[in-house]
Amino acid sequence: MTAMRVSEIRFEGSAFLDPGMQCGALAGSSAFDLMRKAAEVSAASHAGGSVTQCGAGRVDFFRPVAVGQEVELLTRVEPIGRFGLAVTVDVIAVSSGGHCGDLVMRGQFELSAINSDGRARPLVDGASAVQAILQMRSS
């Protein structure tokens, strides 16, 4: 297998009101769920197939995100050994006018590539990843 390089993927969304939050800010649990989903999508894309979360490392909340505020999630995926992926997710609150905003959250996740039986499988690289994704979609 050739060495896989670190890759980045961007997601965009809006903060929605969580009934449990009285202060008009995105709840920590909802923010964590957004970061987890972004990590899983990015890892699956990078791995060329299914992944499972093995752990969540440090999650930092630097400042609240107001309800309705646009956020951008930037993921960085880095392979760990033959099966694993480390994903760092940065959440950036976009300022009014769509200009670059402030880093408001950061989370670190570990995931593993898995086969249809739920067992760890080696990561695929480059063109193999594209073929694996196309095969998954056609079946």
Protein backbone atom coordinates (compact mmCIF):
# COMPACT_ATOMS: atom_id res chain seq x y z
CA MET A 1 0.00 0.00 0.00
CA THR A 2 1.32 3.44 -0.84
CA ALA A 3 1.47 6.14 1.84
CA MET A 4 -1.80 8.02 2.23
CA ARG A 5 -1.61 11.75 2.69
CA VAL A 6 -3.53 13.95 5.09
CA SER A 7 -6.70 15.28 3.47
CA GLU A 8 -9.18 18.04 4.29
CA ILE A 9 -12.93 18.19 3.75
CA ARG A 10 -15.26 21.15 4.47
CA PHE A 11 -18.90 21.09 5.58
CA GLU A 12 -21.28 24.01 6.08
CA GLY A 13 -24.42 24.35 8.18
CA SER A 14 -26.43 26.48 10.60
CA ALA A 15 -26.82 26.25 14.35
CA PHE A 16 -30.39 25.26 15.26
CA LEU A 17 -32.20 25.87 18.52
CA ASP A 18 -31.92 23.05 21.03
CA PRO A 19 -34.96 23.02 23.35
CA GLY A 20 -32.68 22.32 26.32
CA MET A 21 -30.64 25.49 25.83
CA GLN A 22 -32.15 28.62 27.33
CA CYS A 23 -29.29 30.96 26.38
CA GLY A 24 -29.84 30.90 22.59
CA ALA A 25 -26.63 29.03 21.83
CA LEU A 26 -25.81 25.71 20.19
CA ALA A 27 -25.80 22.99 22.86
CA GLY A 28 -22.54 21.16 23.47
CA SER A 29 -24.13 17.77 22.79
CA SER A 30 -25.51 18.98 19.44
CA ALA A 31 -22.14 20.48 18.52
CA PHE A 32 -20.38 17.24 19.44
CA ASP A 33 -22.84 15.29 17.26
CA LEU A 34 -22.11 17.59 14.28
CA MET A 35 -18.37 17.06 14.75
CA ARG A 36 -18.80 13.29 15.10
CA LYS A 37 -20.84 13.07 11.89
CA ALA A 38 -18.31 15.17 9.98
CA ALA A 39 -15.51 12.92 11.27
CA GLU A 40 -17.36 9.77 10.15
CA VAL A 41 -18.15 11.10 6.65
CA SER A 42 -14.58 12.27 6.14
CA ALA A 43 -13.08 9.03 7.44
CA ALA A 44 -15.39 6.89 5.27
CA SER A 45 -14.46 8.93 2.22
CA HIS A 46 -10.78 8.61 3.03
CA ALA A 47 -11.00 4.88 3.86
CA GLY A 48 -13.02 3.99 0.77
CA GLY A 49 -15.80 2.34 2.71
CA SER A 50 -17.41 1.84 6.08
CA VAL A 51 -15.79 3.00 9.32
CA THR A 52 -16.58 2.77 13.00
CA GLN A 53 -15.66 5.22 15.73
CA CYS A 54 -13.09 3.83 18.14
CA GLY A 55 -12.68 6.88 20.32
CA ALA A 56 -13.09 10.58 20.83
CA GLY A 57 -10.16 12.49 22.19
CA ARG A 58 -10.09 16.00 23.45
CA VAL A 59 -13.03 18.24 22.54
CA ASP A 60 -12.60 21.96 23.19
CA PHE A 61 -15.41 24.54 23.19
CA PHE A 62 -13.83 27.97 22.84
CA ARG A 63 -16.96 30.12 22.61
CA PRO A 64 -20.74 29.73 22.07
CA VAL A 65 -22.33 29.63 18.63
CA ALA A 66 -25.53 31.67 18.36
CA VAL A 67 -28.67 29.99 17.03
CA GLY A 68 -28.95 30.70 13.30
CA GLN A 69 -25.25 31.47 12.91
CA GLU A 70 -23.56 29.75 9.98
CA VAL A 71 -20.79 27.31 10.84
CA GLU A 72 -18.16 25.59 8.75
CA LEU A 73 -16.63 22.29 9.77
CA LEU A 74 -13.14 21.57 8.50
CA THR A 75 -11.90 18.00 8.89
CA ARG A 76 -8.34 16.78 8.60
CA VAL A 77 -7.88 13.03 8.17
CA GLU A 78 -4.62 11.25 8.81
CA PRO A 79 -4.03 7.49 8.58
CA ILE A 80 -2.84 5.60 11.68
CA GLY A 81 -1.30 2.24 10.85
CA ARG A 82 -3.08 -0.16 8.50
CA PHE A 83 -6.66 0.22 9.76
CA GLY A 84 -7.07 3.49 11.65
CA LEU A 85 -7.75 7.12 10.91
CA ALA A 86 -7.30 10.17 13.11
CA VAL A 87 -9.75 12.97 12.32
CA THR A 88 -9.52 16.49 13.69
CA VAL A 89 -12.67 18.58 13.28
CA ASP A 90 -12.54 22.38 13.55
CA VAL A 91 -15.83 24.28 13.83
CA ILE A 92 -15.60 27.84 12.56
CA ALA A 93 -18.41 30.33 13.14
CA VAL A 94 -18.82 32.37 9.96
CA SER A 95 -19.17 36.07 10.64
CA SER A 96 -21.91 38.17 9.07
CA GLY A 97 -21.28 38.74 5.38
CA GLY A 98 -19.80 35.25 5.00
CA HIS A 99 -16.27 36.25 5.95
CA CYS A 100 -13.94 33.88 7.74
CA GLY A 101 -14.92 33.59 11.35
CA ASP A 102 -13.49 32.38 14.60
CA LEU A 103 -12.53 28.88 15.62
CA VAL A 104 -15.24 28.01 18.16
CA MET A 105 -14.74 24.25 18.70
CA ARG A 106 -12.22 21.52 17.97
CA GLY A 107 -12.58 17.77 18.41
CA GLN A 108 -10.34 14.77 17.79
CA PHE A 109 -11.72 11.37 16.79
CA GLU A 110 -10.26 7.95 16.02
CA LEU A 111 -11.98 5.64 13.55
CA SER A 112 -11.23 2.30 11.96
CA ALA A 113 -12.02 1.02 8.47
CA ILE A 114 -14.33 -2.01 8.69
CA ASN A 115 -15.63 -4.67 6.32
CA SER A 116 -19.25 -5.85 5.94
CA ASP A 117 -18.82 -8.13 8.98
CA GLY A 118 -17.80 -5.18 11.16
CA ARG A 119 -14.18 -6.32 11.40
CA ALA A 120 -11.18 -4.08 10.86
CA ARG A 121 -9.88 -4.05 7.30
CA PRO A 122 -6.86 -2.39 5.73
CA LEU A 123 -7.28 1.12 4.37
CA VAL A 124 -7.40 1.50 0.59
CA ASP A 125 -5.62 4.27 -1.25
CA GLY A 126 -6.23 6.64 -4.14
CA ALA A 127 -8.00 5.03 -7.12
CA SER A 128 -8.86 1.96 -5.03
CA ALA A 129 -10.86 4.17 -2.65
CA VAL A 130 -12.87 5.65 -5.53
CA GLN A 131 -13.61 2.17 -6.91
CA ALA A 132 -14.68 0.92 -3.46
CA ILE A 133 -17.07 3.87 -3.00
CA LEU A 134 -18.60 3.32 -6.45
CA GLN A 135 -19.05 -0.39 -5.67
CA MET A 136 -20.79 0.43 -2.37
CA ARG A 137 -23.19 2.82 -4.12
CA SER A 138 -24.09 0.34 -6.86
CA SER A 139 -24.88 -2.52 -4.46
